[in-house]
Amino acid sequence: MTITGRDVSDELFGRLRSEWPEEALIILTEVIAWENASSKFNRALRVPSQELWERQKAEGRKQK
């Protein structure tokens, strides 16, 4: 979703709506949008990562 031109499929949107109230989806969308804007801003200005999290290897999947 944070890639320009990417969209949420109707199927995924329907699943989210069946599990979460509208207010929660609004907040989730707001957080995703903020993180997207922040990461693009930081990258453009060469702000380095603060290394606040470490990617965990999902069971049964290769870590990228």
Protein backbone atom coordinates (compact mmCIF):
# COMPACT_ATOMS: atom_id res chain seq x y z
CA MET A 1 0.00 0.00 0.00
CA THR A 2 2.88 2.39 0.53
CA ILE A 3 4.11 1.99 -3.05
CA THR A 4 2.71 4.73 -5.30
CA GLY A 5 -0.10 3.34 -7.40
CA ARG A 6 -0.68 0.34 -5.14
CA ASP A 7 -4.25 -0.31 -4.06
CA VAL A 8 -6.07 -2.50 -1.57
CA SER A 9 -8.09 -5.20 -3.31
CA ASP A 10 -11.85 -5.36 -2.81
CA GLU A 11 -11.37 -8.80 -1.25
CA LEU A 12 -8.90 -7.52 1.35
CA PHE A 13 -11.00 -4.44 2.06
CA GLY A 14 -14.04 -6.65 2.60
CA ARG A 15 -12.12 -8.89 5.00
CA LEU A 16 -10.90 -5.88 6.97
CA ARG A 17 -14.41 -4.40 7.15
CA SER A 18 -15.80 -7.70 8.43
CA GLU A 19 -13.26 -7.77 11.29
CA TRP A 20 -12.77 -4.14 12.27
CA PRO A 21 -15.07 -1.17 12.92
CA GLU A 22 -14.85 1.80 10.56
CA GLU A 23 -13.06 3.96 13.14
CA ALA A 24 -10.29 1.36 13.50
CA LEU A 25 -9.82 1.22 9.71
CA ILE A 26 -9.57 5.00 9.58
CA ILE A 27 -6.89 4.97 12.28
CA LEU A 28 -5.03 2.12 10.55
CA THR A 29 -5.07 4.03 7.25
CA GLU A 30 -3.85 7.17 9.02
CA VAL A 31 -0.92 5.33 10.60
CA ILE A 32 0.06 3.71 7.29
CA ALA A 33 -0.12 7.08 5.50
CA TRP A 34 1.98 8.76 8.22
CA GLU A 35 4.65 6.05 8.10
CA ASN A 36 4.73 6.24 4.31
CA ALA A 37 5.18 10.03 4.34
CA SER A 38 7.78 9.83 7.09
CA SER A 39 9.85 7.17 5.32
CA LYS A 40 9.83 9.06 2.02
CA PHE A 41 10.80 12.30 3.78
CA ASN A 42 13.63 10.60 5.69
CA ARG A 43 14.94 8.86 2.60
CA ALA A 44 14.93 12.08 0.56
CA LEU A 45 16.89 13.89 3.28
CA ARG A 46 19.23 10.93 3.91
CA VAL A 47 18.04 10.52 7.51
CA PRO A 48 19.47 7.17 8.64
CA SER A 49 17.42 4.46 10.30
CA GLN A 50 17.40 4.50 14.08
CA GLU A 51 17.44 0.67 14.04
CA LEU A 52 14.42 0.53 16.38
CA TRP A 53 13.34 -2.91 15.20
CA GLU A 54 14.84 -6.03 13.77
CA ARG A 55 13.10 -7.97 11.01
CA GLN A 56 12.10 -11.38 12.30
CA LYS A 57 12.28 -14.42 10.07
CA ALA A 58 8.77 -15.80 9.54
CA GLU A 59 8.53 -19.52 10.09
CA GLY A 60 8.71 -21.35 6.79
CA ARG A 61 9.77 -18.24 4.81
CA LYS A 62 13.14 -16.94 3.73
CA GLN A 63 14.18 -13.62 5.25
CA LYS A 64 14.88 -10.89 2.72
